[in-house]
Amino acid sequence: MNKAQQHRSEYFYVQHLIHLTLQGKRPATIDAYSRALRRITHQLDKSPDTLTTDDLKRYFTERIKRHSWKYREN
């Protein structure tokens, strides 16, 4: 991401934290959700507002392949 995209991504990340807090989520939930968002946007190198359904499908398919016992055995 370029600088403008990074600033945009940071803005949406902060907004995400604010919304989770206002929803009354517990700190551990906020931490888990925010780490997941950082991981996804970092790996895909995209701001959260530009992620598509296909991006997320691709990301989670790869996560399952890397972390599932089922896929490790094969």
N, C-alpha and C. Protein backbone atom coordinates (compact mmCIF):
# COMPACT_ATOMS: atom_id res chain seq x y z
N MET A 1 0.84 -1.19 0.00
CA MET A 1 0.00 0.00 0.00
C MET A 1 0.88 1.25 0.00
N ASN A 2 0.40 2.25 -0.69
CA ASN A 2 1.12 3.53 -0.64
C ASN A 2 0.71 4.28 0.63
N LYS A 3 1.31 5.44 0.85
CA LYS A 3 1.05 6.19 2.09
C LYS A 3 -0.42 6.55 2.26
N ALA A 4 -1.07 6.99 1.20
CA ALA A 4 -2.48 7.37 1.28
C ALA A 4 -3.34 6.15 1.65
N GLN A 5 -3.04 5.02 1.05
CA GLN A 5 -3.78 3.79 1.35
C GLN A 5 -3.53 3.35 2.79
N GLN A 6 -2.30 3.51 3.28
CA GLN A 6 -1.98 3.16 4.66
C GLN A 6 -2.76 4.03 5.63
N HIS A 7 -2.84 5.32 5.36
CA HIS A 7 -3.60 6.23 6.23
C HIS A 7 -5.08 5.85 6.22
N ARG A 8 -5.58 5.53 5.05
CA ARG A 8 -6.99 5.13 4.92
C ARG A 8 -7.23 3.85 5.71
N SER A 9 -6.32 2.89 5.60
CA SER A 9 -6.43 1.63 6.32
C SER A 9 -6.40 1.86 7.83
N GLU A 10 -5.50 2.73 8.29
CA GLU A 10 -5.41 3.04 9.71
C GLU A 10 -6.70 3.70 10.21
N TYR A 11 -7.28 4.57 9.39
CA TYR A 11 -8.54 5.22 9.75
C TYR A 11 -9.63 4.16 9.97
N PHE A 12 -9.76 3.24 9.03
CA PHE A 12 -10.79 2.21 9.16
C PHE A 12 -10.51 1.26 10.32
N TYR A 13 -9.24 1.01 10.60
CA TYR A 13 -8.88 0.17 11.74
C TYR A 13 -9.34 0.83 13.05
N VAL A 14 -9.07 2.12 13.19
CA VAL A 14 -9.50 2.85 14.39
C VAL A 14 -11.02 2.87 14.48
N GLN A 15 -11.69 3.09 13.36
CA GLN A 15 -13.16 3.08 13.36
C GLN A 15 -13.69 1.71 13.79
N HIS A 16 -13.03 0.67 13.35
CA HIS A 16 -13.39 -0.70 13.73
C HIS A 16 -13.31 -0.87 15.25
N LEU A 17 -12.22 -0.41 15.84
CA LEU A 17 -12.05 -0.48 17.29
C LEU A 17 -13.13 0.31 18.03
N ILE A 18 -13.42 1.48 17.53
CA ILE A 18 -14.46 2.31 18.15
C ILE A 18 -15.81 1.61 18.11
N HIS A 19 -16.16 1.06 16.97
CA HIS A 19 -17.45 0.39 16.82
C HIS A 19 -17.56 -0.84 17.72
N LEU A 20 -16.49 -1.60 17.81
CA LEU A 20 -16.52 -2.78 18.68
C LEU A 20 -16.68 -2.36 20.14
N THR A 21 -16.01 -1.29 20.53
CA THR A 21 -16.13 -0.78 21.90
C THR A 21 -17.54 -0.30 22.18
N LEU A 22 -18.11 0.45 21.24
CA LEU A 22 -19.47 0.97 21.41
C LEU A 22 -20.52 -0.15 21.44
N GLN A 23 -20.20 -1.28 20.79
CA GLN A 23 -21.10 -2.43 20.81
C GLN A 23 -21.01 -3.19 22.13
N GLY A 24 -20.06 -2.80 22.97
CA GLY A 24 -19.91 -3.45 24.26
C GLY A 24 -19.14 -4.76 24.22
N LYS A 25 -18.33 -4.94 23.17
CA LYS A 25 -17.53 -6.17 23.08
C LYS A 25 -16.49 -6.18 24.20
N ARG A 26 -16.17 -7.37 24.64
CA ARG A 26 -15.17 -7.52 25.69
C ARG A 26 -13.78 -7.25 25.11
N PRO A 27 -12.84 -6.84 25.95
CA PRO A 27 -11.48 -6.54 25.47
C PRO A 27 -10.84 -7.70 24.70
N ALA A 28 -11.05 -8.92 25.15
CA ALA A 28 -10.44 -10.06 24.45
C ALA A 28 -11.04 -10.22 23.04
N THR A 29 -12.33 -9.94 22.91
CA THR A 29 -12.98 -10.02 21.60
C THR A 29 -12.46 -8.91 20.69
N ILE A 30 -12.35 -7.72 21.22
CA ILE A 30 -11.82 -6.59 20.44
C ILE A 30 -10.40 -6.91 19.98
N ASP A 31 -9.60 -7.47 20.86
CA ASP A 31 -8.23 -7.83 20.52
C ASP A 31 -8.20 -8.87 19.40
N ALA A 32 -9.02 -9.90 19.52
CA ALA A 32 -9.04 -10.97 18.51
C ALA A 32 -9.51 -10.43 17.16
N TYR A 33 -10.58 -9.65 17.16
CA TYR A 33 -11.11 -9.10 15.91
C TYR A 33 -10.12 -8.14 15.27
N SER A 34 -9.48 -7.32 16.07
CA SER A 34 -8.55 -6.34 15.52
C SER A 34 -7.29 -7.02 14.98
N ARG A 35 -6.82 -8.06 15.66
CA ARG A 35 -5.66 -8.80 15.13
C ARG A 35 -6.01 -9.46 13.80
N ALA A 36 -7.21 -10.02 13.71
CA ALA A 36 -7.65 -10.65 12.46
C ALA A 36 -7.70 -9.63 11.33
N LEU A 37 -8.24 -8.46 11.62
CA LEU A 37 -8.31 -7.41 10.59
C LEU A 37 -6.92 -6.98 10.14
N ARG A 38 -6.00 -6.79 11.10
CA ARG A 38 -4.63 -6.42 10.74
C ARG A 38 -3.97 -7.51 9.90
N ARG A 39 -4.18 -8.76 10.28
CA ARG A 39 -3.58 -9.88 9.55
C ARG A 39 -4.10 -9.94 8.11
N ILE A 40 -5.39 -9.80 7.95
CA ILE A 40 -5.99 -9.86 6.61
C ILE A 40 -5.51 -8.71 5.74
N THR A 41 -5.58 -7.49 6.26
CA THR A 41 -5.18 -6.34 5.45
C THR A 41 -3.69 -6.35 5.14
N HIS A 42 -2.89 -6.87 6.07
CA HIS A 42 -1.45 -6.95 5.81
C HIS A 42 -1.17 -7.99 4.72
N GLN A 43 -1.75 -9.16 4.84
CA GLN A 43 -1.46 -10.22 3.87
C GLN A 43 -1.96 -9.86 2.48
N LEU A 44 -3.14 -9.26 2.40
CA LEU A 44 -3.70 -8.92 1.10
C LEU A 44 -3.23 -7.55 0.60
N ASP A 45 -2.56 -6.79 1.49
CA ASP A 45 -2.03 -5.48 1.16
C ASP A 45 -3.13 -4.56 0.62
N LYS A 46 -4.26 -4.55 1.35
CA LYS A 46 -5.41 -3.74 0.97
C LYS A 46 -6.01 -3.08 2.19
N SER A 47 -6.63 -1.93 1.98
CA SER A 47 -7.38 -1.28 3.05
C SER A 47 -8.67 -2.08 3.29
N PRO A 48 -9.16 -2.10 4.52
CA PRO A 48 -10.36 -2.89 4.82
C PRO A 48 -11.57 -2.54 3.95
N ASP A 49 -11.69 -1.28 3.56
CA ASP A 49 -12.85 -0.87 2.76
C ASP A 49 -12.76 -1.32 1.30
N THR A 50 -11.60 -1.84 0.90
CA THR A 50 -11.46 -2.29 -0.49
C THR A 50 -11.48 -3.80 -0.61
N LEU A 51 -11.60 -4.50 0.50
CA LEU A 51 -11.63 -5.97 0.45
C LEU A 51 -12.92 -6.44 -0.20
N THR A 52 -12.79 -7.43 -1.05
CA THR A 52 -13.96 -8.00 -1.71
C THR A 52 -14.27 -9.37 -1.11
N THR A 53 -15.42 -9.88 -1.44
CA THR A 53 -15.79 -11.22 -1.00
C THR A 53 -14.78 -12.24 -1.51
N ASP A 54 -14.35 -12.08 -2.75
CA ASP A 54 -13.35 -13.00 -3.31
C ASP A 54 -12.02 -12.91 -2.57
N ASP A 55 -11.61 -11.70 -2.17
CA ASP A 55 -10.39 -11.55 -1.38
C ASP A 55 -10.49 -12.36 -0.09
N LEU A 56 -11.62 -12.22 0.59
CA LEU A 56 -11.80 -12.91 1.87
C LEU A 56 -11.88 -14.41 1.69
N LYS A 57 -12.55 -14.87 0.65
CA LYS A 57 -12.61 -16.31 0.36
C LYS A 57 -11.21 -16.87 0.14
N ARG A 58 -10.43 -16.15 -0.66
CA ARG A 58 -9.07 -16.58 -0.95
C ARG A 58 -8.22 -16.61 0.33
N TYR A 59 -8.34 -15.57 1.14
CA TYR A 59 -7.57 -15.48 2.38
C TYR A 59 -7.92 -16.64 3.32
N PHE A 60 -9.21 -16.85 3.55
CA PHE A 60 -9.61 -17.89 4.51
C PHE A 60 -9.36 -19.30 3.97
N THR A 61 -9.45 -19.48 2.67
CA THR A 61 -9.10 -20.78 2.08
C THR A 61 -7.64 -21.10 2.35
N GLU A 62 -6.77 -20.12 2.16
CA GLU A 62 -5.34 -20.31 2.43
C GLU A 62 -5.09 -20.56 3.91
N ARG A 63 -5.79 -19.85 4.79
CA ARG A 63 -5.63 -20.06 6.24
C ARG A 63 -6.01 -21.48 6.62
N ILE A 64 -7.11 -21.96 6.07
CA ILE A 64 -7.55 -23.32 6.38
C ILE A 64 -6.52 -24.32 5.90
N LYS A 65 -6.01 -24.12 4.70
CA LYS A 65 -5.01 -25.05 4.16
C LYS A 65 -3.75 -25.07 5.02
N ARG A 66 -3.35 -23.91 5.54
CA ARG A 66 -2.11 -23.84 6.33
C ARG A 66 -2.28 -24.32 7.76
N HIS A 67 -3.49 -24.22 8.30
CA HIS A 67 -3.66 -24.47 9.73
C HIS A 67 -4.57 -25.64 10.08
N SER A 68 -5.14 -26.28 9.08
CA SER A 68 -6.05 -27.39 9.36
C SER A 68 -5.27 -28.70 9.44
N TRP A 69 -5.59 -29.51 10.44
CA TRP A 69 -4.96 -30.83 10.57
C TRP A 69 -5.29 -31.68 9.37
N LYS A 70 -6.49 -31.55 8.85
CA LYS A 70 -6.92 -32.33 7.69
C LYS A 70 -5.96 -32.14 6.52
N TYR A 71 -5.58 -30.89 6.25
CA TYR A 71 -4.71 -30.60 5.13
C TYR A 71 -3.25 -30.95 5.44
N ARG A 72 -2.87 -30.96 6.69
CA ARG A 72 -1.48 -31.30 7.06
C ARG A 72 -1.18 -32.78 6.86
N GLU A 73 -2.20 -33.60 7.01
CA GLU A 73 -1.99 -35.05 6.89
C GLU A 73 -1.76 -35.48 5.46
N ASN A 74 -2.27 -34.72 4.50
CA ASN A 74 -2.18 -35.12 3.10
C ASN A 74 -0.90 -34.70 2.47
